[in-house]
């Protein structure tokens, strides 16, 4: 996940402990062996669709004169919405790019690997957000609605659970979609904060996003500190982020 911050403020995601060393990795199933009967579960697809719908509805509430207002980090609101829209665009695009093998066994590992790529060139993430915002054109609301409809339709049309090409490598669609739900959910909260709008994510999207954030924290080795923070026993460092 990018946030438009400058290179000096980007928090680096450390490589977590690996199953190759005999240590625990959260929610990391063995590489999935697909059969022709495998399908993306209804819950995963529905949760993504609901998060995408929440995003499209939120964008409709942005006042016309606010698109140039501050959004997040170096992004204005248009760039923040543009960056968020990439969670729809990548689903549409990646479904057209099958992979030969599965390289990424879980959503948490996706963030572990993609973060290494992103932190190597954070300015590129910021610029992609700006360009995505510009690409929304004169009617960003309509553009987001079209992307929402296309992404949800593309997922609904999938037969089985294909391995798709992502920035982190080949990955099952069922494991990629939760990363998009996470992005949509977190950035809807960002957009709401920037616009002064109340945003309430759907319960399944919020639960899935919290689980994924916890899984990434565990990969980082931050599980004990996170648990102690959530139970009021200590505080995480200022600016701590799992992405």
C-alpha atoms as a PDB file:
ATOM      1  CA  UNK A   1       0.000   0.000   0.000  1.00  0.00           C
ATOM      2  CA  UNK A   2       1.339   3.424  -0.907  1.00  0.00           C
ATOM      3  CA  UNK A   3       0.400   6.568   0.935  1.00  0.00           C
ATOM      4  CA  UNK A   4       2.010   9.335  -1.099  1.00  0.00           C
ATOM      5  CA  UNK A   5       4.593  10.106   1.582  1.00  0.00           C
ATOM      6  CA  UNK A   6       8.108  11.178   0.669  1.00  0.00           C
ATOM      7  CA  UNK A   7      10.902   8.638   0.576  1.00  0.00           C
ATOM      8  CA  UNK A   8      12.292   9.688   3.933  1.00  0.00           C
ATOM      9  CA  UNK A   9       9.008   9.028   5.735  1.00  0.00           C
ATOM     10  CA  UNK A  10       8.235   5.631   4.251  1.00  0.00           C
ATOM     11  CA  UNK A  11       8.347   2.891   6.860  1.00  0.00           C
ATOM     12  CA  UNK A  12      10.330  -0.094   5.687  1.00  0.00           C
ATOM     13  CA  UNK A  13       8.743  -3.510   6.046  1.00  0.00           C
ATOM     14  CA  UNK A  14      11.289  -5.932   7.444  1.00  0.00           C
ATOM     15  CA  UNK A  15      11.401  -9.479   6.169  1.00  0.00           C
ATOM     16  CA  UNK A  16       9.581 -11.674   8.658  1.00  0.00           C
ATOM     17  CA  UNK A  17      10.629 -15.035   9.966  1.00  0.00           C
ATOM     18  CA  UNK A  18      10.320 -17.730   7.372  1.00  0.00           C
ATOM     19  CA  UNK A  19       8.973 -21.247   7.381  1.00  0.00           C
ATOM     20  CA  UNK A  20      12.251 -22.144   5.695  1.00  0.00           C
ATOM     21  CA  UNK A  21      13.933 -21.472   9.037  1.00  0.00           C
ATOM     22  CA  UNK A  22      11.464 -23.707  10.827  1.00  0.00           C
ATOM     23  CA  UNK A  23       9.651 -20.825  12.501  1.00  0.00           C
ATOM     24  CA  UNK A  24       6.001 -19.919  12.507  1.00  0.00           C
ATOM     25  CA  UNK A  25       4.344 -17.980   9.694  1.00  0.00           C
ATOM     26  CA  UNK A  26       0.721 -16.882  10.209  1.00  0.00           C
ATOM     27  CA  UNK A  27      -1.966 -18.227   7.919  1.00  0.00           C
ATOM     28  CA  UNK A  28       0.521 -19.543   5.404  1.00  0.00           C
ATOM     29  CA  UNK A  29      -0.926 -22.658   3.906  1.00  0.00           C
ATOM     30  CA  UNK A  30       1.262 -24.895   1.763  1.00  0.00           C
ATOM     31  CA  UNK A  31       1.265 -23.873  -1.899  1.00  0.00           C
ATOM     32  CA  UNK A  32      -2.225 -24.415  -3.208  1.00  0.00           C
ATOM     33  CA  UNK A  33      -2.717 -27.262  -5.630  1.00  0.00           C
ATOM     34  CA  UNK A  34      -5.591 -26.261  -7.853  1.00  0.00           C
ATOM     35  CA  UNK A  35      -8.084 -28.572  -9.436  1.00  0.00           C
ATOM     36  CA  UNK A  36     -10.648 -27.647 -12.037  1.00  0.00           C
ATOM     37  CA  UNK A  37     -13.296 -27.560  -9.303  1.00  0.00           C
ATOM     38  CA  UNK A  38     -11.507 -24.917  -7.198  1.00  0.00           C
ATOM     39  CA  UNK A  39     -13.396 -21.641  -6.926  1.00  0.00           C
ATOM     40  CA  UNK A  40     -12.964 -18.310  -5.228  1.00  0.00           C
ATOM     41  CA  UNK A  41     -15.236 -18.547  -2.200  1.00  0.00           C
ATOM     42  CA  UNK A  42     -18.413 -16.500  -2.188  1.00  0.00           C
ATOM     43  CA  UNK A  43     -17.364 -14.774   1.037  1.00  0.00           C
ATOM     44  CA  UNK A  44     -14.063 -13.513  -0.379  1.00  0.00           C
ATOM     45  CA  UNK A  45     -15.662 -12.273  -3.609  1.00  0.00           C
ATOM     46  CA  UNK A  46     -18.617 -10.715  -1.797  1.00  0.00           C
ATOM     47  CA  UNK A  47     -16.393  -8.958   0.713  1.00  0.00           C
ATOM     48  CA  UNK A  48     -14.320  -7.471  -2.096  1.00  0.00           C
ATOM     49  CA  UNK A  49     -17.468  -6.403  -3.970  1.00  0.00           C
ATOM     50  CA  UNK A  50     -18.881  -4.737  -0.855  1.00  0.00           C
ATOM     51  CA  UNK A  51     -15.614  -2.874  -0.195  1.00  0.00           C
ATOM     52  CA  UNK A  52     -15.522  -1.736  -3.817  1.00  0.00           C
ATOM     53  CA  UNK A  53     -19.138  -0.612  -3.564  1.00  0.00           C
ATOM     54  CA  UNK A  54     -18.370   1.347  -0.402  1.00  0.00           C
ATOM     55  CA  UNK A  55     -15.576   3.125  -2.275  1.00  0.00           C
ATOM     56  CA  UNK A  56     -17.806   3.990  -5.236  1.00  0.00           C
ATOM     57  CA  UNK A  57     -20.539   5.315  -2.939  1.00  0.00           C
ATOM     58  CA  UNK A  58     -18.046   7.370  -0.938  1.00  0.00           C
ATOM     59  CA  UNK A  59     -16.649   9.015  -4.052  1.00  0.00           C
ATOM     60  CA  UNK A  60     -20.182  10.102  -4.955  1.00  0.00           C
ATOM     61  CA  UNK A  61     -20.258  12.121  -1.717  1.00  0.00           C
ATOM     62  CA  UNK A  62     -17.111  14.140  -2.448  1.00  0.00           C
ATOM     63  CA  UNK A  63     -18.132  17.750  -3.131  1.00  0.00           C
ATOM     64  CA  UNK A  64     -17.103  18.911  -6.632  1.00  0.00           C
ATOM     65  CA  UNK A  65     -14.830  21.657  -5.345  1.00  0.00           C
ATOM     66  CA  UNK A  66     -12.806  19.413  -3.012  1.00  0.00           C
ATOM     67  CA  UNK A  67     -10.777  17.343  -5.480  1.00  0.00           C
ATOM     68  CA  UNK A  68      -7.698  19.547  -5.166  1.00  0.00           C
ATOM     69  CA  UNK A  69      -7.761  19.518  -1.355  1.00  0.00           C
ATOM     70  CA  UNK A  70      -5.086  17.665   0.654  1.00  0.00           C
ATOM     71  CA  UNK A  71      -5.618  13.921   0.604  1.00  0.00           C
ATOM     72  CA  UNK A  72      -2.873  11.838   2.204  1.00  0.00           C
ATOM     73  CA  UNK A  73       0.837  12.596   2.389  1.00  0.00           C
ATOM     74  CA  UNK A  74       1.943  14.116  -0.921  1.00  0.00           C
ATOM     75  CA  UNK A  75      -1.365  13.298  -2.604  1.00  0.00           C
ATOM     76  CA  UNK A  76      -4.272  15.641  -3.094  1.00  0.00           C
ATOM     77  CA  UNK A  77      -7.735  14.129  -2.879  1.00  0.00           C
ATOM     78  CA  UNK A  78      -7.894  13.311  -6.593  1.00  0.00           C
ATOM     79  CA  UNK A  79      -4.575  11.445  -6.384  1.00  0.00           C
ATOM     80  CA  UNK A  80      -5.693   9.554  -3.264  1.00  0.00           C
ATOM     81  CA  UNK A  81      -8.885   8.457  -5.015  1.00  0.00           C
ATOM     82  CA  UNK A  82      -6.836   7.593  -8.099  1.00  0.00           C
ATOM     83  CA  UNK A  83      -4.469   5.451  -6.047  1.00  0.00           C
ATOM     84  CA  UNK A  84      -7.421   3.702  -4.418  1.00  0.00           C
ATOM     85  CA  UNK A  85      -8.971   3.061  -7.823  1.00  0.00           C
ATOM     86  CA  UNK A  86      -5.914   0.983  -8.686  1.00  0.00           C
ATOM     87  CA  UNK A  87      -7.291  -1.701  -6.369  1.00  0.00           C
ATOM     88  CA  UNK A  88     -10.045  -2.093  -8.953  1.00  0.00           C
ATOM     89  CA  UNK A  89      -7.803  -1.623 -11.981  1.00  0.00           C
ATOM     90  CA  UNK A  90      -5.308  -4.269 -10.897  1.00  0.00           C
ATOM     91  CA  UNK A  91      -8.055  -6.856 -10.417  1.00  0.00           C
ATOM     92  CA  UNK A  92      -9.307  -6.181 -13.934  1.00  0.00           C
ATOM     93  CA  UNK A  93      -5.788  -6.188 -15.390  1.00  0.00           C
ATOM     94  CA  UNK A  94      -4.329  -9.140 -13.486  1.00  0.00           C
ATOM     95  CA  UNK A  95      -7.250 -11.391 -14.398  1.00  0.00           C
ATOM     96  CA  UNK A  96      -6.075 -10.974 -17.990  1.00  0.00           C
ATOM     97  CA  UNK A  97      -2.530 -11.997 -17.034  1.00  0.00           C
ATOM     98  CA  UNK A  98      -2.418 -15.647 -15.938  1.00  0.00           C
ATOM     99  CA  UNK A  99       0.724 -16.873 -14.200  1.00  0.00           C
ATOM    100  CA  UNK A 100       2.444 -20.206 -14.769  1.00  0.00           C
ATOM    101  CA  UNK A 101       2.965 -20.920 -11.077  1.00  0.00           C
ATOM    102  CA  UNK A 102       1.974 -19.777  -7.622  1.00  0.00           C
ATOM    103  CA  UNK A 103       4.760 -17.817  -5.934  1.00  0.00           C
ATOM    104  CA  UNK A 104       2.841 -16.003  -3.202  1.00  0.00           C
ATOM    105  CA  UNK A 105       1.149 -18.295  -0.645  1.00  0.00           C
ATOM    106  CA  UNK A 106      -0.837 -15.722   1.332  1.00  0.00           C
ATOM    107  CA  UNK A 107      -2.043 -12.096   1.406  1.00  0.00           C
ATOM    108  CA  UNK A 108       0.460 -11.310   4.195  1.00  0.00           C
ATOM    109  CA  UNK A 109       3.390 -12.566   2.139  1.00  0.00           C
ATOM    110  CA  UNK A 110       2.119 -10.440  -0.758  1.00  0.00           C
ATOM    111  CA  UNK A 111       2.551  -7.339   1.404  1.00  0.00           C
ATOM    112  CA  UNK A 112       5.901  -8.528   2.671  1.00  0.00           C
ATOM    113  CA  UNK A 113       7.230  -8.867  -0.878  1.00  0.00           C
ATOM    114  CA  UNK A 114       5.477  -5.945  -2.541  1.00  0.00           C
ATOM    115  CA  UNK A 115       6.552  -3.593   0.229  1.00  0.00           C
ATOM    116  CA  UNK A 116      10.178  -4.359  -0.536  1.00  0.00           C
ATOM    117  CA  UNK A 117       9.531  -3.298  -4.125  1.00  0.00           C
ATOM    118  CA  UNK A 118       7.580  -0.198  -3.133  1.00  0.00           C
ATOM    119  CA  UNK A 119      10.053   1.063  -0.544  1.00  0.00           C
ATOM    120  CA  UNK A 120      12.819   0.796  -3.130  1.00  0.00           C
ATOM    121  CA  UNK A 121      11.072   3.543  -5.163  1.00  0.00           C
ATOM    122  CA  UNK A 122       8.317   5.257  -3.144  1.00  0.00           C
ATOM    123  CA  UNK A 123       8.230   8.221  -5.513  1.00  0.00           C
ATOM    124  CA  UNK A 124       6.998   5.862  -8.236  1.00  0.00           C
ATOM    125  CA  UNK A 125       4.032   4.884  -6.054  1.00  0.00           C
ATOM    126  CA  UNK A 126       3.241   8.537  -5.437  1.00  0.00           C
ATOM    127  CA  UNK A 127       3.422   9.320  -9.142  1.00  0.00           C
ATOM    128  CA  UNK A 128       1.228   6.351 -10.097  1.00  0.00           C
ATOM    129  CA  UNK A 129      -1.401   7.700  -7.716  1.00  0.00           C
ATOM    130  CA  UNK A 130      -1.231  11.118  -9.343  1.00  0.00           C
ATOM    131  CA  UNK A 131      -1.488   9.654 -12.824  1.00  0.00           C
ATOM    132  CA  UNK A 132      -4.389   7.423 -11.806  1.00  0.00           C
ATOM    133  CA  UNK A 133      -6.159  10.476 -10.416  1.00  0.00           C
ATOM    134  CA  UNK A 134      -5.653  12.398 -13.645  1.00  0.00           C
ATOM    135  CA  UNK A 135      -6.920   9.413 -15.625  1.00  0.00           C
ATOM    136  CA  UNK A 136     -10.288   9.724 -13.866  1.00  0.00           C
ATOM    137  CA  UNK A 137     -10.960  12.687 -16.132  1.00  0.00           C
ATOM    138  CA  UNK A 138     -13.591  15.399 -15.802  1.00  0.00           C
ATOM    139  CA  UNK A 139     -16.095  13.131 -14.040  1.00  0.00           C
ATOM    140  CA  UNK A 140     -14.198  11.102 -11.442  1.00  0.00           C
ATOM    141  CA  UNK A 141     -17.384   9.805  -9.861  1.00  0.00           C
ATOM    142  CA  UNK A 142     -18.571   8.240 -13.110  1.00  0.00           C
ATOM    143  CA  UNK A 143     -15.109   6.835 -13.825  1.00  0.00           C
ATOM    144  CA  UNK A 144     -14.948   5.154 -10.405  1.00  0.00           C
ATOM    145  CA  UNK A 145     -18.416   3.714 -10.851  1.00  0.00           C
ATOM    146  CA  UNK A 146     -17.421   2.198 -14.194  1.00  0.00           C
ATOM    147  CA  UNK A 147     -14.291   0.657 -12.658  1.00  0.00           C
ATOM    148  CA  UNK A 148     -16.331  -0.713  -9.765  1.00  0.00           C
ATOM    149  CA  UNK A 149     -18.813  -2.381 -12.098  1.00  0.00           C
ATOM    150  CA  UNK A 150     -16.073  -3.795 -14.326  1.00  0.00           C
ATOM    151  CA  UNK A 151     -13.999  -5.176 -11.457  1.00  0.00           C
ATOM    152  CA  UNK A 152     -16.940  -6.845  -9.731  1.00  0.00           C
ATOM    153  CA  UNK A 153     -18.183  -8.294 -13.025  1.00  0.00           C
ATOM    154  CA  UNK A 154     -14.700  -9.613 -13.815  1.00  0.00           C
ATOM    155  CA  UNK A 155     -14.518 -11.446 -10.486  1.00  0.00           C
ATOM    156  CA  UNK A 156     -18.036 -12.830 -10.888  1.00  0.00           C
ATOM    157  CA  UNK A 157     -17.129 -14.175 -14.324  1.00  0.00           C
ATOM    158  CA  UNK A 158     -14.127 -16.137 -13.056  1.00  0.00           C
ATOM    159  CA  UNK A 159     -14.220 -19.903 -13.425  1.00  0.00           C
ATOM    160  CA  UNK A 160     -12.198 -21.557 -10.685  1.00  0.00           C
ATOM    161  CA  UNK A 161      -9.424 -19.888  -8.697  1.00  0.00           C
ATOM    162  CA  UNK A 162      -6.856 -18.813 -11.287  1.00  0.00           C
ATOM    163  CA  UNK A 163      -3.226 -17.992 -10.617  1.00  0.00           C
ATOM    164  CA  UNK A 164      -2.708 -14.396 -11.724  1.00  0.00           C
ATOM    165  CA  UNK A 165       0.391 -12.264 -12.238  1.00  0.00           C
ATOM    166  CA  UNK A 166       0.839  -9.650  -9.499  1.00  0.00           C
ATOM    167  CA  UNK A 167       3.644  -7.267  -8.582  1.00  0.00           C
ATOM    168  CA  UNK A 168       4.810  -9.866  -6.038  1.00  0.00           C
ATOM    169  CA  UNK A 169       4.573 -12.881  -8.358  1.00  0.00           C
ATOM    170  CA  UNK A 170       2.013 -15.526  -9.267  1.00  0.00           C
ATOM    171  CA  UNK A 171      -0.871 -15.640  -6.802  1.00  0.00           C
ATOM    172  CA  UNK A 172      -4.289 -17.249  -6.455  1.00  0.00           C
ATOM    173  CA  UNK A 173      -7.129 -14.817  -7.026  1.00  0.00           C
ATOM    174  CA  UNK A 174      -8.651 -15.936  -3.726  1.00  0.00           C
ATOM    175  CA  UNK A 175      -5.495 -14.741  -1.964  1.00  0.00           C
ATOM    176  CA  UNK A 176      -5.108 -11.540  -3.956  1.00  0.00           C
ATOM    177  CA  UNK A 177      -8.644 -10.236  -3.428  1.00  0.00           C
ATOM    178  CA  UNK A 178      -8.210  -9.761   0.354  1.00  0.00           C
ATOM    179  CA  UNK A 179      -5.295  -7.414  -0.370  1.00  0.00           C
ATOM    180  CA  UNK A 180      -7.613  -5.310  -2.533  1.00  0.00           C
ATOM    181  CA  UNK A 181     -10.297  -5.350   0.141  1.00  0.00           C
ATOM    182  CA  UNK A 182      -7.656  -4.137   2.606  1.00  0.00           C
ATOM    183  CA  UNK A 183      -6.570  -1.301   0.319  1.00  0.00           C
ATOM    184  CA  UNK A 184     -10.130  -0.218  -0.401  1.00  0.00           C
ATOM    185  CA  UNK A 185     -11.105  -0.308   3.266  1.00  0.00           C
ATOM    186  CA  UNK A 186      -8.094   1.610   4.585  1.00  0.00           C
ATOM    187  CA  UNK A 187      -8.199   4.216   1.845  1.00  0.00           C
ATOM    188  CA  UNK A 188     -11.950   4.754   2.236  1.00  0.00           C
ATOM    189  CA  UNK A 189     -11.146   5.737   5.819  1.00  0.00           C
ATOM    190  CA  UNK A 190      -8.396   8.034   4.487  1.00  0.00           C
ATOM    191  CA  UNK A 191     -10.774   9.660   2.007  1.00  0.00           C
ATOM    192  CA  UNK A 192     -13.419  10.109   4.671  1.00  0.00           C
ATOM    193  CA  UNK A 193     -10.896  11.777   6.972  1.00  0.00           C
ATOM    194  CA  UNK A 194      -9.724  14.095   4.180  1.00  0.00           C
ATOM    195  CA  UNK A 195     -13.277  15.130   3.326  1.00  0.00           C
ATOM    196  CA  UNK A 196     -14.744  15.180   6.818  1.00  0.00           C
ATOM    197  CA  UNK A 197     -17.126  12.367   5.913  1.00  0.00           C
ATOM    198  CA  UNK A 198     -18.135   9.561   8.242  1.00  0.00           C
ATOM    199  CA  UNK A 199     -17.125   6.199   6.782  1.00  0.00           C
ATOM    200  CA  UNK A 200     -18.226   2.873   8.209  1.00  0.00           C
ATOM    201  CA  UNK A 201     -16.673  -0.089   6.369  1.00  0.00           C
ATOM    202  CA  UNK A 202     -18.728  -3.237   6.098  1.00  0.00           C
ATOM    203  CA  UNK A 203     -18.130  -5.614   8.989  1.00  0.00           C
ATOM    204  CA  UNK A 204     -16.660  -8.403   6.802  1.00  0.00           C
ATOM    205  CA  UNK A 205     -14.276  -5.985   5.044  1.00  0.00           C
ATOM    206  CA  UNK A 206     -13.158  -4.489   8.340  1.00  0.00           C
ATOM    207  CA  UNK A 207     -12.658  -7.922   9.918  1.00  0.00           C
ATOM    208  CA  UNK A 208     -10.714  -9.210   6.916  1.00  0.00           C
ATOM    209  CA  UNK A 209      -8.549  -6.086   6.866  1.00  0.00           C
ATOM    210  CA  UNK A 210      -7.771  -6.305  10.573  1.00  0.00           C
ATOM    211  CA  UNK A 211      -6.863  -9.975  10.182  1.00  0.00           C
ATOM    212  CA  UNK A 212      -4.530  -9.203   7.304  1.00  0.00           C
ATOM    213  CA  UNK A 213      -2.878  -6.360   9.211  1.00  0.00           C
ATOM    214  CA  UNK A 214      -2.326  -8.737  12.126  1.00  0.00           C
ATOM    215  CA  UNK A 215      -0.853 -11.379   9.834  1.00  0.00           C
ATOM    216  CA  UNK A 216       1.614  -8.877   8.391  1.00  0.00           C
ATOM    217  CA  UNK A 217       2.573  -7.753  11.898  1.00  0.00           C
ATOM    218  CA  UNK A 218       3.242 -11.373  12.819  1.00  0.00           C
ATOM    219  CA  UNK A 219       5.474 -11.797   9.779  1.00  0.00           C
ATOM    220  CA  UNK A 220       7.414  -8.757  10.929  1.00  0.00           C
ATOM    221  CA  UNK A 221       7.867 -10.301  14.354  1.00  0.00           C
ATOM    222  CA  UNK A 222       5.696  -7.595  15.925  1.00  0.00           C
ATOM    223  CA  UNK A 223       2.947  -9.872  17.263  1.00  0.00           C
ATOM    224  CA  UNK A 224       3.785  -9.546  20.984  1.00  0.00           C
ATOM    225  CA  UNK A 225       4.063  -5.742  20.787  1.00  0.00           C
ATOM    226  CA  UNK A 226       0.789  -5.515  18.878  1.00  0.00           C
ATOM    227  CA  UNK A 227      -1.023  -7.699  21.390  1.00  0.00           C
ATOM    228  CA  UNK A 228       0.323  -5.668  24.316  1.00  0.00           C
ATOM    229  CA  UNK A 229      -0.745  -2.456  22.590  1.00  0.00           C
ATOM    230  CA  UNK A 230      -4.252  -3.732  21.908  1.00  0.00           C
ATOM    231  CA  UNK A 231      -4.603  -4.731  25.537  1.00  0.00           C
ATOM    232  CA  UNK A 232      -3.428  -1.350  26.839  1.00  0.00           C
ATOM    233  CA  UNK A 233      -0.064  -2.467  28.178  1.00  0.00           C
ATOM    234  CA  UNK A 234       2.245  -0.485  25.898  1.00  0.00           C
ATOM    235  CA  UNK A 235       2.265   1.722  22.807  1.00  0.00           C
ATOM    236  CA  UNK A 236       3.687   1.023  19.405  1.00  0.00           C
ATOM    237  CA  UNK A 237       6.276   3.491  18.104  1.00  0.00           C
ATOM    238  CA  UNK A 238       4.922   6.706  16.598  1.00  0.00           C
ATOM    239  CA  UNK A 239       4.164   6.222  12.920  1.00  0.00           C
ATOM    240  CA  UNK A 240       4.197   2.425  13.134  1.00  0.00           C
ATOM    241  CA  UNK A 241       2.653   0.794  10.093  1.00  0.00           C
ATOM    242  CA  UNK A 242       2.419  -2.738   8.793  1.00  0.00           C
ATOM    243  CA  UNK A 243       2.512  -1.511   5.181  1.00  0.00           C
END
